[in-house]
Each structure stands twice: as C-alpha cells, then as structure tokens.
PDB file of N, CA and C in Angstrom:
ATOM      1  N   MET A   1      13.507  26.108  23.502  1.00  0.00           N
ATOM      2  CA  MET A   1      14.448  25.490  24.422  1.00  0.00           C
ATOM      3  C   MET A   1      13.736  24.657  25.489  1.00  0.00           C
ATOM      4  N   ARG A   2      12.594  25.128  25.923  1.00  0.00           N
ATOM      5  CA  ARG A   2      11.910  24.462  27.026  1.00  0.00           C
ATOM      6  C   ARG A   2      11.625  22.994  26.733  1.00  0.00           C
ATOM      7  N   PRO A   3      11.140  22.619  25.532  1.00  0.00           N
ATOM      8  CA  PRO A   3      10.911  21.187  25.271  1.00  0.00           C
ATOM      9  C   PRO A   3      12.201  20.368  25.335  1.00  0.00           C
ATOM     10  N   LEU A   4      13.309  20.946  24.943  1.00  0.00           N
ATOM     11  CA  LEU A   4      14.581  20.228  24.988  1.00  0.00           C
ATOM     12  C   LEU A   4      15.063  20.002  26.411  1.00  0.00           C
ATOM     13  N   MET A   5      14.725  20.927  27.304  1.00  0.00           N
ATOM     14  CA  MET A   5      15.152  20.812  28.699  1.00  0.00           C
ATOM     15  C   MET A   5      14.600  19.542  29.345  1.00  0.00           C
ATOM     16  N   ALA A   6      13.449  19.082  28.882  1.00  0.00           N
ATOM     17  CA  ALA A   6      12.837  17.883  29.456  1.00  0.00           C
ATOM     18  C   ALA A   6      13.700  16.646  29.234  1.00  0.00           C
ATOM     19  N   TYR A   7      14.553  16.678  28.222  1.00  0.00           N
ATOM     20  CA  TYR A   7      15.386  15.513  27.905  1.00  0.00           C
ATOM     21  C   TYR A   7      16.760  15.557  28.585  1.00  0.00           C
ATOM     22  N   LEU A   8      17.089  16.647  29.216  1.00  0.00           N
ATOM     23  CA  LEU A   8      18.382  16.739  29.881  1.00  0.00           C
ATOM     24  C   LEU A   8      18.345  16.027  31.235  1.00  0.00           C
ATOM     25  N   PRO A   9      19.439  15.341  31.567  1.00  0.00           N
ATOM     26  CA  PRO A   9      19.470  14.639  32.859  1.00  0.00           C
ATOM     27  C   PRO A   9      19.828  15.588  34.006  1.00  0.00           C
ATOM     28  N   LEU A  10      18.878  16.425  34.385  1.00  0.00           N
ATOM     29  CA  LEU A  10      19.116  17.401  35.441  1.00  0.00           C
ATOM     30  C   LEU A  10      18.574  16.883  36.759  1.00  0.00           C
ATOM     31  N   GLY A  11      19.414  16.957  37.775  1.00  0.00           N
ATOM     32  CA  GLY A  11      18.996  16.552  39.105  1.00  0.00           C
ATOM     33  C   GLY A  11      18.418  17.721  39.874  1.00  0.00           C
ATOM     34  N   LYS A  12      18.070  17.480  41.111  1.00  0.00           N
ATOM     35  CA  LYS A  12      17.476  18.523  41.952  1.00  0.00           C
ATOM     36  C   LYS A  12      18.428  19.687  42.157  1.00  0.00           C
ATOM     37  N   GLU A  13      19.715  19.383  42.305  1.00  0.00           N
ATOM     38  CA  GLU A  13      20.696  20.437  42.535  1.00  0.00           C
ATOM     39  C   GLU A  13      20.813  21.352  41.315  1.00  0.00           C
ATOM     40  N   GLN A  14      20.853  20.768  40.131  1.00  0.00           N
ATOM     41  CA  GLN A  14      20.944  21.574  38.917  1.00  0.00           C
ATOM     42  C   GLN A  14      19.684  22.413  38.727  1.00  0.00           C
ATOM     43  N   MET A  15      18.531  21.834  38.986  1.00  0.00           N
ATOM     44  CA  MET A  15      17.280  22.581  38.854  1.00  0.00           C
ATOM     45  C   MET A  15      17.216  23.721  39.859  1.00  0.00           C
ATOM     46  N   ARG A  16      17.734  23.480  41.066  1.00  0.00           N
ATOM     47  CA  ARG A  16      17.781  24.535  42.074  1.00  0.00           C
ATOM     48  C   ARG A  16      18.663  25.684  41.592  1.00  0.00           C
ATOM     49  N   ASP A  17      19.813  25.346  40.997  1.00  0.00           N
ATOM     50  CA  ASP A  17      20.717  26.370  40.477  1.00  0.00           C
ATOM     51  C   ASP A  17      20.091  27.137  39.311  1.00  0.00           C
ATOM     52  N   ILE A  18      19.406  26.439  38.438  1.00  0.00           N
ATOM     53  CA  ILE A  18      18.733  27.090  37.304  1.00  0.00           C
ATOM     54  C   ILE A  18      17.665  28.045  37.817  1.00  0.00           C
ATOM     55  N   ASN A  19      16.892  27.611  38.796  1.00  0.00           N
ATOM     56  CA  ASN A  19      15.848  28.472  39.351  1.00  0.00           C
ATOM     57  C   ASN A  19      16.439  29.672  40.083  1.00  0.00           C
ATOM     58  N   ALA A  20      17.556  29.479  40.776  1.00  0.00           N
ATOM     59  CA  ALA A  20      18.228  30.596  41.449  1.00  0.00           C
ATOM     60  C   ALA A  20      18.734  31.605  40.421  1.00  0.00           C
ATOM     61  N   TYR A  21      19.261  31.122  39.312  1.00  0.00           N
ATOM     62  CA  TYR A  21      19.729  31.995  38.237  1.00  0.00           C
ATOM     63  C   TYR A  21      18.568  32.793  37.637  1.00  0.00           C
ATOM     64  N   LYS A  22      17.438  32.133  37.414  1.00  0.00           N
ATOM     65  CA  LYS A  22      16.262  32.822  36.878  1.00  0.00           C
ATOM     66  C   LYS A  22      15.776  33.895  37.848  1.00  0.00           C
ATOM     67  N   GLU A  23      15.761  33.584  39.130  1.00  0.00           N
ATOM     68  CA  GLU A  23      15.337  34.561  40.131  1.00  0.00           C
ATOM     69  C   GLU A  23      16.288  35.744  40.184  1.00  0.00           C
ATOM     70  N   PHE A  24      17.599  35.486  40.093  1.00  0.00           N
ATOM     71  CA  PHE A  24      18.593  36.558  40.098  1.00  0.00           C
ATOM     72  C   PHE A  24      18.372  37.508  38.924  1.00  0.00           C
ATOM     73  N   THR A  25      18.186  36.942  37.725  1.00  0.00           N
ATOM     74  CA  THR A  25      18.013  37.794  36.557  1.00  0.00           C
ATOM     75  C   THR A  25      16.690  38.547  36.628  1.00  0.00           C
ATOM     76  N   LYS A  26      15.655  37.918  37.147  1.00  0.00           N
ATOM     77  CA  LYS A  26      14.364  38.594  37.267  1.00  0.00           C
ATOM     78  C   LYS A  26      14.442  39.735  38.282  1.00  0.00           C
ATOM     79  N   ARG A  27      15.124  39.489  39.410  1.00  0.00           N
ATOM     80  CA  ARG A  27      15.317  40.541  40.416  1.00  0.00           C
ATOM     81  C   ARG A  27      16.111  41.706  39.835  1.00  0.00           C
ATOM     82  N   SER A  28      17.166  41.381  39.104  1.00  0.00           N
ATOM     83  CA  SER A  28      18.000  42.416  38.501  1.00  0.00           C
ATOM     84  C   SER A  28      17.207  43.260  37.502  1.00  0.00           C
ATOM     85  N   LEU A  29      16.398  42.602  36.694  1.00  0.00           N
ATOM     86  CA  LEU A  29      15.576  43.314  35.717  1.00  0.00           C
ATOM     87  C   LEU A  29      14.554  44.201  36.424  1.00  0.00           C
ATOM     88  N   THR A  30      13.892  43.670  37.430  1.00  0.00           N
ATOM     89  CA  THR A  30      12.893  44.447  38.163  1.00  0.00           C
ATOM     90  C   THR A  30      13.520  45.680  38.789  1.00  0.00           C
ATOM     91  N   GLU A  31      14.682  45.505  39.410  1.00  0.00           N
ATOM     92  CA  GLU A  31      15.390  46.626  40.022  1.00  0.00           C
ATOM     93  C   GLU A  31      15.760  47.668  38.964  1.00  0.00           C
ATOM     94  N   ARG A  32      16.244  47.203  37.840  1.00  0.00           N
ATOM     95  CA  ARG A  32      16.630  48.109  36.759  1.00  0.00           C
ATOM     96  C   ARG A  32      15.429  48.877  36.232  1.00  0.00           C
ATOM     97  N   MET A  33      14.310  48.203  36.064  1.00  0.00           N
ATOM     98  CA  MET A  33      13.121  48.857  35.530  1.00  0.00           C
ATOM     99  C   MET A  33      12.566  49.883  36.518  1.00  0.00           C
ATOM    100  N   GLN A  34      12.698  49.637  37.801  1.00  0.00           N
ATOM    101  CA  GLN A  34      12.165  50.547  38.809  1.00  0.00           C
ATOM    102  C   GLN A  34      13.068  51.742  39.066  1.00  0.00           C
ATOM    103  N   THR A  35      14.371  51.538  38.982  1.00  0.00           N
ATOM    104  CA  THR A  35      15.285  52.604  39.380  1.00  0.00           C
ATOM    105  C   THR A  35      15.897  53.365  38.216  1.00  0.00           C
ATOM    106  N   GLN A  36      16.348  52.648  37.200  1.00  0.00           N
ATOM    107  CA  GLN A  36      17.124  53.311  36.169  1.00  0.00           C
ATOM    108  C   GLN A  36      16.398  53.459  34.848  1.00  0.00           C
ATOM    109  N   GLU A  37      15.295  52.754  34.681  1.00  0.00           N
ATOM    110  CA  GLU A  37      14.613  52.736  33.396  1.00  0.00           C
ATOM    111  C   GLU A  37      15.624  52.406  32.302  1.00  0.00           C
ATOM    112  N   SER A  38      15.694  53.197  31.258  1.00  0.00           N
ATOM    113  CA  SER A  38      16.587  52.865  30.156  1.00  0.00           C
ATOM    114  C   SER A  38      17.608  53.967  29.916  1.00  0.00           C
ATOM    115  N   VAL A  39      18.040  54.645  30.985  1.00  0.00           N
ATOM    116  CA  VAL A  39      18.980  55.756  30.824  1.00  0.00           C
ATOM    117  C   VAL A  39      20.391  55.292  30.485  1.00  0.00           C
ATOM    118  N   GLU A  40      20.744  54.096  30.881  1.00  0.00           N
ATOM    119  CA  GLU A  40      22.079  53.599  30.582  1.00  0.00           C
ATOM    120  C   GLU A  40      22.136  53.070  29.162  1.00  0.00           C
ATOM    121  N   ILE A  41      23.264  53.277  28.536  1.00  0.00           N
ATOM    122  CA  ILE A  41      23.434  52.784  27.171  1.00  0.00           C
ATOM    123  C   ILE A  41      24.111  51.427  27.253  1.00  0.00           C
ATOM    124  N   ASP A  42      23.312  50.390  27.219  1.00  0.00           N
ATOM    125  CA  ASP A  42      23.778  49.009  27.191  1.00  0.00           C
ATOM    126  C   ASP A  42      22.705  48.189  26.490  1.00  0.00           C
ATOM    127  N   VAL A  43      22.887  46.900  26.420  1.00  0.00           N
ATOM    128  CA  VAL A  43      21.953  46.049  25.688  1.00  0.00           C
ATOM    129  C   VAL A  43      20.550  46.138  26.273  1.00  0.00           C
ATOM    130  N   LEU A  44      20.436  46.034  27.580  1.00  0.00           N
ATOM    131  CA  LEU A  44      19.116  46.067  28.203  1.00  0.00           C
ATOM    132  C   LEU A  44      18.464  47.428  28.026  1.00  0.00           C
ATOM    133  N   GLY A  45      19.232  48.494  28.170  1.00  0.00           N
ATOM    134  CA  GLY A  45      18.701  49.838  27.949  1.00  0.00           C
ATOM    135  C   GLY A  45      18.185  50.000  26.529  1.00  0.00           C
ATOM    136  N   PHE A  46      18.921  49.451  25.583  1.00  0.00           N
ATOM    137  CA  PHE A  46      18.501  49.508  24.183  1.00  0.00           C
ATOM    138  C   PHE A  46      17.187  48.749  23.984  1.00  0.00           C
ATOM    139  N   LEU A  47      17.085  47.573  24.569  1.00  0.00           N
ATOM    140  CA  LEU A  47      15.863  46.775  24.431  1.00  0.00           C
ATOM    141  C   LEU A  47      14.663  47.474  25.066  1.00  0.00           C
ATOM    142  N   MET A  48      14.883  48.115  26.195  1.00  0.00           N
ATOM    143  CA  MET A  48      13.802  48.815  26.870  1.00  0.00           C
ATOM    144  C   MET A  48      13.373  50.051  26.082  1.00  0.00           C
ATOM    145  N   ALA A  49      14.325  50.767  25.507  1.00  0.00           N
ATOM    146  CA  ALA A  49      14.027  51.984  24.760  1.00  0.00           C
ATOM    147  C   ALA A  49      13.424  51.679  23.390  1.00  0.00           C
ATOM    148  N   ALA A  50      13.761  50.549  22.806  1.00  0.00           N
ATOM    149  CA  ALA A  50      13.274  50.214  21.461  1.00  0.00           C
ATOM    150  C   ALA A  50      11.755  50.155  21.409  1.00  0.00           C
ATOM    151  N   GLY A  51      11.144  49.634  22.445  1.00  0.00           N
ATOM    152  CA  GLY A  51       9.690  49.542  22.480  1.00  0.00           C
ATOM    153  C   GLY A  51       9.017  50.898  22.580  1.00  0.00           C
ATOM    154  N   LYS A  52       9.712  51.873  23.159  1.00  0.00           N
ATOM    155  CA  LYS A  52       9.152  53.217  23.257  1.00  0.00           C
ATOM    156  C   LYS A  52       9.196  53.926  21.902  1.00  0.00           C
ATOM    157  N   LYS A  53      10.227  53.624  21.131  1.00  0.00           N
ATOM    158  CA  LYS A  53      10.373  54.263  19.822  1.00  0.00           C
ATOM    159  C   LYS A  53       9.472  53.625  18.773  1.00  0.00           C
ATOM    160  N   ASN A  54       9.305  52.312  18.853  1.00  0.00           N
ATOM    161  CA  ASN A  54       8.491  51.598  17.878  1.00  0.00           C
ATOM    162  C   ASN A  54       7.746  50.477  18.603  1.00  0.00           C
ATOM    163  N   PRO A  55       6.433  50.578  18.710  1.00  0.00           N
ATOM    164  CA  PRO A  55       5.657  49.566  19.445  1.00  0.00           C
ATOM    165  C   PRO A  55       5.847  48.136  18.919  1.00  0.00           C
ATOM    166  N   ALA A  56       6.257  47.984  17.673  1.00  0.00           N
ATOM    167  CA  ALA A  56       6.472  46.644  17.116  1.00  0.00           C
ATOM    168  C   ALA A  56       7.635  45.938  17.808  1.00  0.00           C
ATOM    169  N   TYR A  57       8.554  46.712  18.401  1.00  0.00           N
ATOM    170  CA  TYR A  57       9.726  46.140  19.058  1.00  0.00           C
ATOM    171  C   TYR A  57       9.564  46.003  20.563  1.00  0.00           C
ATOM    172  N   LYS A  58       8.406  46.372  21.093  1.00  0.00           N
ATOM    173  CA  LYS A  58       8.195  46.315  22.541  1.00  0.00           C
ATOM    174  C   LYS A  58       8.169  44.866  23.010  1.00  0.00           C
ATOM    175  N   LEU A  59       8.966  44.585  24.031  1.00  0.00           N
ATOM    176  CA  LEU A  59       9.009  43.253  24.629  1.00  0.00           C
ATOM    177  C   LEU A  59       8.161  43.228  25.889  1.00  0.00           C
ATOM    178  N   THR A  60       7.566  42.095  26.156  1.00  0.00           N
ATOM    179  CA  THR A  60       6.841  41.913  27.407  1.00  0.00           C
ATOM    180  C   THR A  60       7.856  41.786  28.538  1.00  0.00           C
ATOM    181  N   ASP A  61       7.382  41.804  29.774  1.00  0.00           N
ATOM    182  CA  ASP A  61       8.281  41.608  30.915  1.00  0.00           C
ATOM    183  C   ASP A  61       8.971  40.250  30.837  1.00  0.00           C
ATOM    184  N   ASP A  62       8.224  39.222  30.399  1.00  0.00           N
ATOM    185  CA  ASP A  62       8.823  37.894  30.245  1.00  0.00           C
ATOM    186  C   ASP A  62       9.890  37.902  29.149  1.00  0.00           C
ATOM    187  N   GLY A  63       9.635  38.640  28.080  1.00  0.00           N
ATOM    188  CA  GLY A  63      10.615  38.753  26.998  1.00  0.00           C
ATOM    189  C   GLY A  63      11.880  39.446  27.466  1.00  0.00           C
ATOM    190  N   LEU A  64      11.710  40.524  28.243  1.00  0.00           N
ATOM    191  CA  LEU A  64      12.875  41.217  28.796  1.00  0.00           C
ATOM    192  C   LEU A  64      13.630  40.324  29.782  1.00  0.00           C
ATOM    193  N   ALA A  65      12.889  39.546  30.572  1.00  0.00           N
ATOM    194  CA  ALA A  65      13.538  38.619  31.519  1.00  0.00           C
ATOM    195  C   ALA A  65      14.354  37.583  30.760  1.00  0.00           C
ATOM    196  N   SER A  66      13.818  37.080  29.683  1.00  0.00           N
ATOM    197  CA  SER A  66      14.538  36.098  28.871  1.00  0.00           C
ATOM    198  C   SER A  66      15.803  36.702  28.275  1.00  0.00           C
ATOM    199  N   GLU A  67      15.689  37.924  27.770  1.00  0.00           N
ATOM    200  CA  GLU A  67      16.863  38.600  27.211  1.00  0.00           C
ATOM    201  C   GLU A  67      17.899  38.887  28.296  1.00  0.00           C
ATOM    202  N   THR A  68      17.443  39.202  29.506  1.00  0.00           N
ATOM    203  CA  THR A  68      18.353  39.440  30.623  1.00  0.00           C
ATOM    204  C   THR A  68      19.141  38.179  30.948  1.00  0.00           C
ATOM    205  N   GLN A  69      18.470  37.031  30.949  1.00  0.00           N
ATOM    206  CA  GLN A  69      19.159  35.764  31.204  1.00  0.00           C
ATOM    207  C   GLN A  69      20.227  35.522  30.146  1.00  0.00           C
ATOM    208  N   LEU A  70      19.885  35.796  28.905  1.00  0.00           N
ATOM    209  CA  LEU A  70      20.828  35.596  27.809  1.00  0.00           C
ATOM    210  C   LEU A  70      22.038  36.523  27.937  1.00  0.00           C
ATOM    211  N   VAL A  71      21.792  37.786  28.239  1.00  0.00           N
ATOM    212  CA  VAL A  71      22.884  38.760  28.346  1.00  0.00           C
ATOM    213  C   VAL A  71      23.814  38.417  29.511  1.00  0.00           C
ATOM    214  N   VAL A  72      23.246  38.034  30.649  1.00  0.00           N
ATOM    215  CA  VAL A  72      24.080  37.676  31.813  1.00  0.00           C
ATOM    216  C   VAL A  72      24.925  36.444  31.500  1.00  0.00           C
ATOM    217  N   ALA A  73      24.320  35.434  30.894  1.00  0.00           N
ATOM    218  CA  ALA A  73      25.063  34.213  30.554  1.00  0.00           C
ATOM    219  C   ALA A  73      26.152  34.506  29.523  1.00  0.00           C
ATOM    220  N   ALA A  74      25.818  35.276  28.512  1.00  0.00           N
ATOM    221  CA  ALA A  74      26.813  35.592  27.469  1.00  0.00           C
ATOM    222  C   ALA A  74      27.949  36.424  28.050  1.00  0.00           C
ATOM    223  N   GLY A  75      27.631  37.381  28.884  1.00  0.00           N
ATOM    224  CA  GLY A  75      28.674  38.209  29.492  1.00  0.00           C
ATOM    225  C   GLY A  75      29.564  37.422  30.433  1.00  0.00           C
ATOM    226  N   SER A  76      28.979  36.506  31.181  1.00  0.00           N
ATOM    227  CA  SER A  76      29.771  35.671  32.092  1.00  0.00           C
ATOM    228  C   SER A  76      30.719  34.774  31.321  1.00  0.00           C
ATOM    229  N   ASP A  77      30.228  34.198  30.248  1.00  0.00           N
ATOM    230  CA  ASP A  77      31.052  33.319  29.433  1.00  0.00           C
ATOM    231  C   ASP A  77      32.205  34.098  28.790  1.00  0.00           C
ATOM    232  N   THR A  78      31.900  35.243  28.234  1.00  0.00           N
ATOM    233  CA  THR A  78      32.928  36.067  27.596  1.00  0.00           C
ATOM    234  C   THR A  78      33.972  36.515  28.606  1.00  0.00           C
ATOM    235  N   THR A  79      33.523  36.932  29.775  1.00  0.00           N
ATOM    236  CA  THR A  79      34.460  37.381  30.811  1.00  0.00           C
ATOM    237  C   THR A  79      35.355  36.238  31.277  1.00  0.00           C
ATOM    238  N   SER A  80      34.800  35.065  31.497  1.00  0.00           N
ATOM    239  CA  SER A  80      35.620  33.940  31.970  1.00  0.00           C
ATOM    240  C   SER A  80      36.650  33.536  30.919  1.00  0.00           C
ATOM    241  N   ILE A  81      36.280  33.605  29.660  1.00  0.00           N
ATOM    242  CA  ILE A  81      37.242  33.281  28.600  1.00  0.00           C
ATOM    243  C   ILE A  81      38.356  34.314  28.555  1.00  0.00           C
ATOM    244  N   ALA A  82      38.010  35.579  28.687  1.00  0.00           N
ATOM    245  CA  ALA A  82      39.012  36.651  28.664  1.00  0.00           C
ATOM    246  C   ALA A  82      39.989  36.535  29.833  1.00  0.00           C
ATOM    247  N   ILE A  83      39.469  36.184  30.992  1.00  0.00           N
ATOM    248  CA  ILE A  83      40.337  36.042  32.166  1.00  0.00           C
ATOM    249  C   ILE A  83      41.272  34.852  32.014  1.00  0.00           C
ATOM    250  N   THR A  84      40.770  33.786  31.431  1.00  0.00           N
ATOM    251  CA  THR A  84      41.577  32.586  31.260  1.00  0.00           C
ATOM    252  C   THR A  84      42.642  32.830  30.236  1.00  0.00           C
TER     253      THR A  84
END
C-alpha cells in the first residue's frame, strides 16, 4: 500500500489526519498490550495469543499495529453502515 500512497493527492490536512489515526491505533495497541494482554476474546486478542501458541504466527509490534489499524477501520465502516 505504501508505494500507492505516493500517487494519491493528499494535502497536509489529510496527512495530519492519517498520522493522528496511526498514533491513535498505536496508543490503543500499546495500552492493550500493557494492561490486558490477550485475555479478551476478540480479533486483537486472537492475534496476540496466536504467536504464543505457534511461533510461526507471531507478529511483530509493527505487524500488530498494522492489524489494529485495519480492525479499527473495518469496524468503523461496518458500524457506520449499520447505523445508516
């Protein structure tokens, strides 16, 4: 995705929003990893626990951050459609 982003006509405001979104998801992931670990049964908990069960499935912190961004975006989109 990153190479494709270079071709999008994004202004300073859009880039600021994208960076704020990345920071939000990274903060949320860090908080989750420090406080709750993987005790909750949800997508992120499953991803965190999978690496403990099988090292082949272990994600790096950057990988978990990327998955967190995806889950938040997908959940927001699904929720907005349901409300509409």
